[in-house]
């Protein structure tokens, strides 16, 4: 795993074998952060990373100075790795070991940017969007990004802005306005 921007740009982190993950490719991650660099001020946003896995997206936002980063994943080993990596890099990442759908059902704080990277074969991917909007977890000017495979179609959902494709990686962008 490589951090592509911010204070730890170029830093490579070794991820232990045996973790259940499917990390976003560097190519797709770089493209995503190039898009975001033209849309947001990283240092002023509160980020929620759902299905965070090893936290490469969380660490990327933290490296770029995000005001707050909250990472949610139900896998104990993934959360443990992310905590250790954040500590090693001296980055603030609040890790939450929780099922994402239960976390979303509890509602709570508004976030300026929500990134969700569920397993591509998860049947409830549109439910992520529904819960975020229903519980008003996305701030009024916020941006929701759901990473998904090509079989998943989300362009019919409320607030859809655009779809970006990078190989097998698809990012659907949503807003509140």
N, C-alpha and C. Protein backbone atom coordinates (compact mmCIF):
# COMPACT_ATOMS: atom_id res chain seq x y z
N UNK A 1 0.86 -1.17 0.00
CA UNK A 1 0.00 0.00 0.00
C UNK A 1 0.90 1.22 0.00
N UNK A 2 0.56 2.18 -0.85
CA UNK A 2 1.36 3.39 -0.99
C UNK A 2 0.48 4.61 -0.77
N UNK A 3 0.99 5.58 0.00
CA UNK A 3 0.30 6.86 0.16
C UNK A 3 0.76 7.75 -0.99
N UNK A 4 -0.20 8.32 -1.71
CA UNK A 4 0.14 9.04 -2.94
C UNK A 4 0.21 10.55 -2.79
N UNK A 5 -0.21 11.10 -1.63
CA UNK A 5 -0.17 12.54 -1.46
C UNK A 5 -0.08 12.96 -0.01
N UNK A 6 0.15 14.26 0.18
CA UNK A 6 0.20 14.79 1.53
C UNK A 6 1.57 14.65 2.16
N UNK A 7 1.61 14.75 3.49
CA UNK A 7 2.89 14.75 4.20
C UNK A 7 3.63 13.41 4.12
N UNK A 8 2.93 12.35 3.82
CA UNK A 8 3.56 11.03 3.70
C UNK A 8 3.59 10.53 2.26
N UNK A 9 3.55 11.46 1.30
CA UNK A 9 3.55 11.10 -0.12
C UNK A 9 4.70 10.14 -0.44
N UNK A 10 4.36 9.04 -1.12
CA UNK A 10 5.37 8.08 -1.54
C UNK A 10 5.67 7.00 -0.49
N UNK A 11 5.15 7.16 0.69
CA UNK A 11 5.42 6.20 1.77
C UNK A 11 4.72 4.87 1.46
N UNK A 12 5.48 3.78 1.55
CA UNK A 12 4.93 2.45 1.31
C UNK A 12 4.76 1.76 2.65
N UNK A 13 3.56 1.21 2.84
CA UNK A 13 3.26 0.49 4.08
C UNK A 13 3.04 -0.98 3.75
N UNK A 14 3.63 -1.86 4.55
CA UNK A 14 3.45 -3.29 4.34
C UNK A 14 2.18 -3.74 5.05
N UNK A 15 1.30 -4.37 4.29
CA UNK A 15 0.05 -4.90 4.83
C UNK A 15 0.26 -6.38 5.10
N UNK A 16 -0.08 -6.83 6.31
CA UNK A 16 0.09 -8.26 6.61
C UNK A 16 -0.74 -9.15 5.70
N UNK A 17 -0.23 -10.31 5.42
CA UNK A 17 -0.97 -11.29 4.62
C UNK A 17 -2.15 -11.81 5.41
N UNK A 18 -3.16 -12.26 4.68
CA UNK A 18 -4.30 -12.91 5.33
C UNK A 18 -5.44 -11.99 5.71
N UNK A 19 -5.32 -10.70 5.43
CA UNK A 19 -6.42 -9.79 5.73
C UNK A 19 -7.43 -9.85 4.58
N UNK A 20 -8.73 -9.83 4.90
CA UNK A 20 -9.76 -9.93 3.86
C UNK A 20 -9.95 -8.58 3.16
N UNK A 21 -9.19 -8.35 2.10
CA UNK A 21 -9.32 -7.06 1.46
C UNK A 21 -9.16 -7.13 -0.04
N UNK A 22 -9.63 -6.06 -0.65
CA UNK A 22 -9.55 -5.85 -2.08
C UNK A 22 -9.25 -4.36 -2.24
N UNK A 23 -7.98 -3.98 -2.06
CA UNK A 23 -7.67 -2.55 -2.05
C UNK A 23 -7.89 -1.88 -3.40
N UNK A 24 -8.29 -0.63 -3.33
CA UNK A 24 -8.43 0.19 -4.53
C UNK A 24 -7.05 0.30 -5.18
N UNK A 25 -6.98 0.13 -6.48
CA UNK A 25 -5.68 0.21 -7.16
C UNK A 25 -5.09 1.61 -7.03
N UNK A 26 -3.75 1.69 -7.09
CA UNK A 26 -3.10 3.01 -7.04
C UNK A 26 -3.59 3.90 -8.17
N UNK A 27 -3.80 3.30 -9.35
CA UNK A 27 -4.28 4.06 -10.51
C UNK A 27 -5.63 4.71 -10.21
N UNK A 28 -6.57 3.92 -9.68
CA UNK A 28 -7.91 4.45 -9.37
C UNK A 28 -7.85 5.43 -8.21
N UNK A 29 -7.05 5.13 -7.19
CA UNK A 29 -6.93 6.02 -6.04
C UNK A 29 -6.34 7.37 -6.45
N UNK A 30 -5.32 7.32 -7.29
CA UNK A 30 -4.70 8.55 -7.77
C UNK A 30 -5.70 9.39 -8.57
N UNK A 31 -6.45 8.74 -9.43
CA UNK A 31 -7.48 9.44 -10.22
C UNK A 31 -8.53 10.07 -9.30
N UNK A 32 -8.98 9.30 -8.31
CA UNK A 32 -9.98 9.80 -7.36
C UNK A 32 -9.47 11.04 -6.64
N UNK A 33 -8.26 10.99 -6.13
CA UNK A 33 -7.74 12.13 -5.37
C UNK A 33 -7.40 13.32 -6.26
N UNK A 34 -7.11 13.08 -7.53
CA UNK A 34 -6.96 14.21 -8.46
C UNK A 34 -8.30 14.92 -8.66
N UNK A 35 -9.38 14.15 -8.76
CA UNK A 35 -10.72 14.74 -8.87
C UNK A 35 -11.03 15.54 -7.61
N UNK A 36 -10.80 14.93 -6.47
CA UNK A 36 -11.14 15.58 -5.19
C UNK A 36 -10.31 16.83 -4.94
N UNK A 37 -9.07 16.84 -5.39
CA UNK A 37 -8.20 18.01 -5.18
C UNK A 37 -8.78 19.25 -5.84
N UNK A 38 -9.57 19.05 -6.90
CA UNK A 38 -10.18 20.19 -7.59
C UNK A 38 -11.56 20.55 -7.03
N UNK A 39 -12.07 19.76 -6.09
CA UNK A 39 -13.42 19.98 -5.56
C UNK A 39 -13.45 20.40 -4.10
N UNK A 40 -12.45 19.98 -3.32
CA UNK A 40 -12.52 20.20 -1.88
C UNK A 40 -11.20 20.71 -1.31
N UNK A 41 -11.31 21.30 -0.13
CA UNK A 41 -10.14 21.70 0.65
C UNK A 41 -9.96 20.60 1.70
N UNK A 42 -8.96 19.76 1.53
CA UNK A 42 -8.78 18.60 2.39
C UNK A 42 -8.69 18.99 3.87
N UNK A 43 -8.07 20.11 4.17
CA UNK A 43 -7.84 20.49 5.56
C UNK A 43 -9.09 20.96 6.29
N UNK A 44 -10.18 21.13 5.57
CA UNK A 44 -11.40 21.63 6.23
C UNK A 44 -12.51 20.58 6.31
N UNK A 45 -12.22 19.35 5.90
CA UNK A 45 -13.32 18.37 5.83
C UNK A 45 -13.25 17.30 6.92
N UNK A 46 -14.43 16.80 7.22
CA UNK A 46 -14.61 15.65 8.10
C UNK A 46 -14.96 14.47 7.20
N UNK A 47 -14.17 13.39 7.30
CA UNK A 47 -14.29 12.25 6.39
C UNK A 47 -14.77 11.01 7.14
N UNK A 48 -15.69 10.29 6.52
CA UNK A 48 -16.14 8.99 7.01
C UNK A 48 -15.77 7.96 5.95
N UNK A 49 -14.98 6.96 6.35
CA UNK A 49 -14.54 5.90 5.45
C UNK A 49 -15.24 4.61 5.88
N UNK A 50 -16.19 4.15 5.08
CA UNK A 50 -16.97 2.95 5.39
C UNK A 50 -16.40 1.73 4.68
N UNK A 51 -16.39 0.61 5.36
CA UNK A 51 -15.74 -0.61 4.86
C UNK A 51 -14.26 -0.29 4.63
N UNK A 52 -13.63 0.30 5.62
CA UNK A 52 -12.29 0.87 5.46
C UNK A 52 -11.18 -0.15 5.24
N UNK A 53 -11.38 -1.39 5.64
CA UNK A 53 -10.33 -2.39 5.45
C UNK A 53 -9.05 -1.94 6.14
N UNK A 54 -7.93 -1.96 5.42
CA UNK A 54 -6.66 -1.54 6.00
C UNK A 54 -6.53 -0.04 6.12
N UNK A 55 -7.49 0.69 5.59
CA UNK A 55 -7.52 2.14 5.78
C UNK A 55 -6.68 2.95 4.82
N UNK A 56 -6.38 2.41 3.66
CA UNK A 56 -5.54 3.18 2.72
C UNK A 56 -6.20 4.49 2.31
N UNK A 57 -7.51 4.51 2.21
CA UNK A 57 -8.21 5.76 1.87
C UNK A 57 -8.18 6.70 3.07
N UNK A 58 -8.42 6.17 4.27
CA UNK A 58 -8.37 6.98 5.49
C UNK A 58 -6.99 7.61 5.67
N UNK A 59 -5.95 6.81 5.49
CA UNK A 59 -4.59 7.31 5.65
C UNK A 59 -4.27 8.37 4.60
N UNK A 60 -4.81 8.19 3.41
CA UNK A 60 -4.60 9.18 2.34
C UNK A 60 -5.21 10.53 2.74
N UNK A 61 -6.46 10.51 3.23
CA UNK A 61 -7.10 11.75 3.68
C UNK A 61 -6.35 12.37 4.86
N UNK A 62 -5.94 11.55 5.82
CA UNK A 62 -5.21 12.05 6.98
C UNK A 62 -3.87 12.64 6.57
N UNK A 63 -3.17 11.99 5.64
CA UNK A 63 -1.89 12.50 5.14
C UNK A 63 -2.05 13.86 4.48
N UNK A 64 -3.23 14.09 3.90
CA UNK A 64 -3.50 15.37 3.23
C UNK A 64 -4.09 16.41 4.18
N UNK A 65 -4.16 16.07 5.47
CA UNK A 65 -4.54 17.06 6.48
C UNK A 65 -6.02 17.18 6.79
N UNK A 66 -6.81 16.17 6.48
CA UNK A 66 -8.24 16.24 6.79
C UNK A 66 -8.45 16.56 8.26
N UNK A 67 -9.46 17.37 8.54
CA UNK A 67 -9.74 17.81 9.90
C UNK A 67 -10.07 16.63 10.81
N UNK A 68 -10.84 15.67 10.29
CA UNK A 68 -11.20 14.48 11.05
C UNK A 68 -11.41 13.33 10.08
N UNK A 69 -10.94 12.13 10.46
CA UNK A 69 -11.13 10.94 9.66
C UNK A 69 -11.65 9.84 10.59
N UNK A 70 -12.82 9.30 10.25
CA UNK A 70 -13.41 8.20 11.00
C UNK A 70 -13.49 7.00 10.05
N UNK A 71 -12.94 5.87 10.49
CA UNK A 71 -12.90 4.65 9.67
C UNK A 71 -13.71 3.56 10.34
N UNK A 72 -14.63 2.96 9.58
CA UNK A 72 -15.50 1.92 10.11
C UNK A 72 -15.29 0.62 9.34
N UNK A 73 -15.02 -0.44 10.08
CA UNK A 73 -14.90 -1.77 9.50
C UNK A 73 -15.18 -2.78 10.61
N UNK A 74 -15.75 -3.92 10.26
CA UNK A 74 -16.08 -4.90 11.29
C UNK A 74 -14.96 -5.91 11.54
N UNK A 75 -13.91 -5.89 10.72
CA UNK A 75 -12.83 -6.86 10.87
C UNK A 75 -11.80 -6.37 11.89
N UNK A 76 -11.65 -7.12 12.95
CA UNK A 76 -10.76 -6.78 14.04
C UNK A 76 -9.32 -6.58 13.57
N UNK A 77 -8.83 -7.49 12.71
CA UNK A 77 -7.44 -7.41 12.24
C UNK A 77 -7.22 -6.18 11.36
N UNK A 78 -8.19 -5.85 10.52
CA UNK A 78 -8.05 -4.66 9.67
C UNK A 78 -8.01 -3.40 10.52
N UNK A 79 -8.90 -3.31 11.49
CA UNK A 79 -8.92 -2.14 12.38
C UNK A 79 -7.62 -2.05 13.17
N UNK A 80 -7.12 -3.19 13.63
CA UNK A 80 -5.85 -3.21 14.36
C UNK A 80 -4.70 -2.72 13.50
N UNK A 81 -4.67 -3.17 12.24
CA UNK A 81 -3.62 -2.72 11.33
C UNK A 81 -3.71 -1.21 11.11
N UNK A 82 -4.92 -0.71 10.86
CA UNK A 82 -5.10 0.72 10.61
C UNK A 82 -4.67 1.55 11.81
N UNK A 83 -5.04 1.13 13.01
CA UNK A 83 -4.62 1.85 14.23
C UNK A 83 -3.10 1.92 14.30
N UNK A 84 -2.45 0.79 14.08
CA UNK A 84 -0.99 0.73 14.15
C UNK A 84 -0.34 1.60 13.07
N UNK A 85 -0.87 1.56 11.85
CA UNK A 85 -0.31 2.37 10.76
C UNK A 85 -0.48 3.86 11.05
N UNK A 86 -1.65 4.25 11.53
CA UNK A 86 -1.90 5.66 11.85
C UNK A 86 -0.96 6.13 12.97
N UNK A 87 -0.77 5.28 13.97
CA UNK A 87 0.13 5.61 15.08
C UNK A 87 1.57 5.76 14.56
N UNK A 88 1.99 4.82 13.71
CA UNK A 88 3.35 4.86 13.15
C UNK A 88 3.59 6.14 12.35
N UNK A 89 2.57 6.59 11.62
CA UNK A 89 2.69 7.78 10.79
C UNK A 89 2.33 9.07 11.53
N UNK A 90 1.91 8.92 12.78
CA UNK A 90 1.47 10.06 13.59
C UNK A 90 0.32 10.82 12.92
N UNK A 91 -0.66 10.03 12.45
CA UNK A 91 -1.85 10.60 11.81
C UNK A 91 -3.06 10.33 12.69
N UNK A 92 -3.99 11.29 12.69
CA UNK A 92 -5.21 11.12 13.48
C UNK A 92 -6.27 10.42 12.63
N UNK A 93 -6.55 9.17 12.99
CA UNK A 93 -7.62 8.40 12.36
C UNK A 93 -8.38 7.72 13.48
N UNK A 94 -9.66 8.02 13.58
CA UNK A 94 -10.51 7.41 14.59
C UNK A 94 -11.09 6.12 14.01
N UNK A 95 -10.66 4.98 14.56
CA UNK A 95 -11.13 3.69 14.04
C UNK A 95 -12.32 3.19 14.86
N UNK A 96 -13.29 2.63 14.16
CA UNK A 96 -14.49 2.11 14.79
C UNK A 96 -14.71 0.68 14.29
N UNK A 97 -14.63 -0.30 15.20
CA UNK A 97 -14.89 -1.69 14.83
C UNK A 97 -16.38 -1.91 14.97
N UNK A 98 -17.06 -1.92 13.84
CA UNK A 98 -18.52 -1.98 13.85
C UNK A 98 -19.00 -2.44 12.49
N UNK A 99 -20.14 -3.06 12.45
CA UNK A 99 -20.80 -3.36 11.19
C UNK A 99 -21.27 -2.03 10.58
N UNK A 100 -20.98 -1.79 9.33
CA UNK A 100 -21.30 -0.52 8.69
C UNK A 100 -22.79 -0.20 8.74
N UNK A 101 -23.64 -1.18 8.47
CA UNK A 101 -25.08 -0.91 8.44
C UNK A 101 -25.61 -0.57 9.83
N UNK A 102 -25.09 -1.21 10.86
CA UNK A 102 -25.47 -0.87 12.23
C UNK A 102 -24.99 0.54 12.56
N UNK A 103 -23.77 0.85 12.17
CA UNK A 103 -23.21 2.18 12.38
C UNK A 103 -24.11 3.24 11.72
N UNK A 104 -24.49 3.00 10.47
CA UNK A 104 -25.33 3.96 9.76
C UNK A 104 -26.72 4.07 10.38
N UNK A 105 -27.27 2.97 10.86
CA UNK A 105 -28.58 3.00 11.52
C UNK A 105 -28.58 3.87 12.76
N UNK A 106 -27.44 3.98 13.41
CA UNK A 106 -27.34 4.80 14.61
C UNK A 106 -27.30 6.29 14.28
N UNK A 107 -27.08 6.63 13.00
CA UNK A 107 -27.05 8.04 12.60
C UNK A 107 -25.88 8.75 13.24
N UNK A 108 -26.09 10.00 13.59
CA UNK A 108 -25.02 10.74 14.27
C UNK A 108 -24.54 11.93 13.49
N UNK A 109 -23.28 12.14 13.59
CA UNK A 109 -22.61 13.33 13.08
C UNK A 109 -22.67 13.45 11.57
N UNK A 110 -22.63 14.69 11.10
CA UNK A 110 -22.54 14.95 9.66
C UNK A 110 -21.08 14.91 9.21
N UNK A 111 -20.87 14.38 8.02
CA UNK A 111 -19.53 14.35 7.42
C UNK A 111 -19.57 15.08 6.09
N UNK A 112 -18.45 15.72 5.76
CA UNK A 112 -18.34 16.48 4.51
C UNK A 112 -18.06 15.56 3.33
N UNK A 113 -17.38 14.45 3.60
CA UNK A 113 -17.09 13.49 2.56
C UNK A 113 -17.24 12.09 3.15
N UNK A 114 -18.03 11.28 2.48
CA UNK A 114 -18.21 9.88 2.89
C UNK A 114 -17.75 9.01 1.73
N UNK A 115 -16.82 8.11 2.04
CA UNK A 115 -16.32 7.18 1.05
C UNK A 115 -16.70 5.78 1.50
N UNK A 116 -17.38 5.03 0.64
CA UNK A 116 -17.79 3.67 0.96
C UNK A 116 -17.20 2.72 -0.08
N UNK A 117 -16.51 1.70 0.39
CA UNK A 117 -15.90 0.71 -0.49
C UNK A 117 -16.34 -0.68 -0.04
N UNK A 118 -17.64 -0.98 -0.25
CA UNK A 118 -18.14 -2.29 0.18
C UNK A 118 -17.63 -3.39 -0.73
N UNK A 119 -17.73 -4.65 -0.28
CA UNK A 119 -17.40 -5.76 -1.19
C UNK A 119 -18.26 -5.64 -2.45
N UNK A 120 -17.66 -5.84 -3.60
CA UNK A 120 -18.39 -5.65 -4.86
C UNK A 120 -19.60 -6.56 -4.99
N UNK A 121 -19.58 -7.71 -4.32
CA UNK A 121 -20.69 -8.64 -4.44
C UNK A 121 -21.75 -8.44 -3.35
N UNK A 122 -21.63 -7.41 -2.54
CA UNK A 122 -22.60 -7.12 -1.50
C UNK A 122 -23.93 -6.72 -2.14
N UNK A 123 -25.01 -7.39 -1.74
CA UNK A 123 -26.32 -7.11 -2.33
C UNK A 123 -26.89 -5.77 -1.90
N UNK A 124 -26.52 -5.29 -0.73
CA UNK A 124 -27.12 -4.08 -0.18
C UNK A 124 -26.39 -2.79 -0.47
N UNK A 125 -25.64 -2.71 -1.55
CA UNK A 125 -24.89 -1.48 -1.84
C UNK A 125 -25.81 -0.26 -1.92
N UNK A 126 -26.96 -0.31 -2.60
CA UNK A 126 -27.85 0.86 -2.61
C UNK A 126 -28.37 1.23 -1.20
N UNK A 127 -28.41 0.26 -0.29
CA UNK A 127 -28.86 0.54 1.08
C UNK A 127 -27.90 1.47 1.81
N UNK A 128 -26.62 1.43 1.44
CA UNK A 128 -25.64 2.34 2.05
C UNK A 128 -26.07 3.77 1.76
N UNK A 129 -26.34 4.04 0.51
CA UNK A 129 -26.81 5.36 0.08
C UNK A 129 -28.08 5.74 0.83
N UNK A 130 -29.03 4.83 0.87
CA UNK A 130 -30.32 5.10 1.50
C UNK A 130 -30.15 5.48 2.97
N UNK A 131 -29.35 4.73 3.71
CA UNK A 131 -29.15 5.02 5.14
C UNK A 131 -28.45 6.35 5.35
N UNK A 132 -27.48 6.66 4.53
CA UNK A 132 -26.75 7.93 4.66
C UNK A 132 -27.70 9.10 4.46
N UNK A 133 -28.57 9.01 3.47
CA UNK A 133 -29.52 10.10 3.20
C UNK A 133 -30.65 10.12 4.23
N UNK A 134 -31.13 8.95 4.59
CA UNK A 134 -32.23 8.85 5.57
C UNK A 134 -31.82 9.41 6.93
N UNK A 135 -30.59 9.12 7.36
CA UNK A 135 -30.10 9.55 8.68
C UNK A 135 -29.39 10.90 8.62
N UNK A 136 -29.35 11.50 7.41
CA UNK A 136 -28.73 12.82 7.21
C UNK A 136 -27.29 12.86 7.73
N UNK A 137 -26.52 11.84 7.37
CA UNK A 137 -25.13 11.74 7.80
C UNK A 137 -24.21 12.59 6.92
N UNK A 138 -24.65 12.85 5.69
CA UNK A 138 -23.88 13.69 4.77
C UNK A 138 -24.24 15.15 5.01
N UNK A 139 -23.23 16.00 5.18
CA UNK A 139 -23.49 17.42 5.39
C UNK A 139 -24.18 18.03 4.16
N UNK A 140 -24.85 19.17 4.32
CA UNK A 140 -25.60 19.76 3.19
C UNK A 140 -24.78 19.97 1.92
N UNK A 141 -23.52 20.33 2.05
CA UNK A 141 -22.66 20.53 0.87
C UNK A 141 -21.73 19.34 0.65
N UNK A 142 -22.03 18.22 1.30
CA UNK A 142 -21.14 17.08 1.30
C UNK A 142 -21.13 16.27 0.01
N UNK A 143 -20.20 15.34 -0.02
CA UNK A 143 -19.99 14.47 -1.17
C UNK A 143 -19.92 13.03 -0.69
N UNK A 144 -20.73 12.17 -1.30
CA UNK A 144 -20.71 10.74 -1.04
C UNK A 144 -20.12 10.06 -2.26
N UNK A 145 -19.15 9.17 -2.02
CA UNK A 145 -18.54 8.40 -3.09
C UNK A 145 -18.66 6.93 -2.74
N UNK A 146 -19.26 6.16 -3.63
CA UNK A 146 -19.37 4.72 -3.42
C UNK A 146 -18.56 4.03 -4.51
N UNK A 147 -17.59 3.22 -4.07
CA UNK A 147 -16.81 2.42 -5.00
C UNK A 147 -17.55 1.11 -5.22
N UNK A 148 -17.61 0.66 -6.48
CA UNK A 148 -18.35 -0.56 -6.78
C UNK A 148 -17.88 -1.15 -8.10
N UNK A 149 -18.31 -2.35 -8.36
CA UNK A 149 -17.99 -3.03 -9.60
C UNK A 149 -18.92 -2.58 -10.73
N UNK A 150 -18.64 -3.05 -11.93
CA UNK A 150 -19.40 -2.60 -13.11
C UNK A 150 -20.83 -3.11 -13.15
N UNK A 151 -21.13 -4.17 -12.43
CA UNK A 151 -22.50 -4.70 -12.44
C UNK A 151 -23.46 -3.87 -11.59
N UNK A 152 -22.94 -3.10 -10.68
CA UNK A 152 -23.77 -2.30 -9.78
C UNK A 152 -24.10 -0.98 -10.45
N UNK A 153 -25.38 -0.66 -10.52
CA UNK A 153 -25.85 0.58 -11.13
C UNK A 153 -26.48 1.45 -10.04
N UNK A 154 -25.96 2.65 -9.88
CA UNK A 154 -26.43 3.54 -8.82
C UNK A 154 -26.91 4.89 -9.35
N UNK A 155 -26.89 5.07 -10.67
CA UNK A 155 -27.21 6.37 -11.25
C UNK A 155 -28.66 6.80 -11.07
N UNK A 156 -29.51 5.92 -10.60
CA UNK A 156 -30.93 6.25 -10.38
C UNK A 156 -31.17 6.79 -8.96
N UNK A 157 -30.15 6.76 -8.11
CA UNK A 157 -30.33 7.16 -6.72
C UNK A 157 -30.25 8.68 -6.54
N UNK A 158 -30.93 9.15 -5.50
CA UNK A 158 -30.99 10.58 -5.18
C UNK A 158 -29.60 11.20 -5.10
N UNK A 159 -29.46 12.38 -5.69
CA UNK A 159 -28.22 13.14 -5.58
C UNK A 159 -27.10 12.68 -6.49
N UNK A 160 -27.38 11.72 -7.41
CA UNK A 160 -26.33 11.21 -8.29
C UNK A 160 -25.74 12.35 -9.11
N UNK A 161 -24.42 12.42 -9.13
CA UNK A 161 -23.71 13.46 -9.90
C UNK A 161 -23.04 12.87 -11.13
N UNK A 162 -22.22 11.84 -10.90
CA UNK A 162 -21.49 11.24 -12.02
C UNK A 162 -20.91 9.89 -11.64
N UNK A 163 -20.54 9.15 -12.68
CA UNK A 163 -19.85 7.87 -12.54
C UNK A 163 -18.50 8.00 -13.21
N UNK A 164 -17.46 7.56 -12.51
CA UNK A 164 -16.12 7.52 -13.09
C UNK A 164 -15.63 6.08 -13.05
N UNK A 165 -15.04 5.64 -14.17
CA UNK A 165 -14.57 4.25 -14.29
C UNK A 165 -13.07 4.24 -14.49
N UNK A 166 -12.40 3.34 -13.75
CA UNK A 166 -10.96 3.15 -13.85
C UNK A 166 -10.70 1.65 -13.84
N UNK A 167 -10.68 1.05 -15.02
CA UNK A 167 -10.55 -0.40 -15.09
C UNK A 167 -11.78 -1.05 -14.50
N UNK A 168 -11.59 -1.93 -13.51
CA UNK A 168 -12.69 -2.61 -12.84
C UNK A 168 -13.27 -1.80 -11.69
N UNK A 169 -12.69 -0.65 -11.42
CA UNK A 169 -13.11 0.19 -10.29
C UNK A 169 -14.04 1.28 -10.81
N UNK A 170 -15.21 1.39 -10.16
CA UNK A 170 -16.19 2.42 -10.49
C UNK A 170 -16.44 3.27 -9.26
N UNK A 171 -16.48 4.58 -9.45
CA UNK A 171 -16.82 5.50 -8.38
C UNK A 171 -18.09 6.24 -8.76
N UNK A 172 -19.13 6.09 -7.95
CA UNK A 172 -20.36 6.89 -8.14
C UNK A 172 -20.33 8.02 -7.13
N UNK A 173 -20.53 9.24 -7.61
CA UNK A 173 -20.50 10.45 -6.79
C UNK A 173 -21.93 10.95 -6.57
N UNK A 174 -22.19 11.36 -5.33
CA UNK A 174 -23.52 11.88 -4.96
C UNK A 174 -23.34 13.15 -4.13
N UNK A 175 -24.32 14.06 -4.26
CA UNK A 175 -24.32 15.27 -3.45
C UNK A 175 -25.69 15.49 -2.86
N UNK A 176 -25.82 16.55 -2.09
CA UNK A 176 -27.10 16.88 -1.47
C UNK A 176 -27.84 17.98 -2.22
N UNK A 177 -27.15 18.68 -3.11
CA UNK A 177 -27.82 19.80 -3.76
C UNK A 177 -28.39 19.45 -5.11
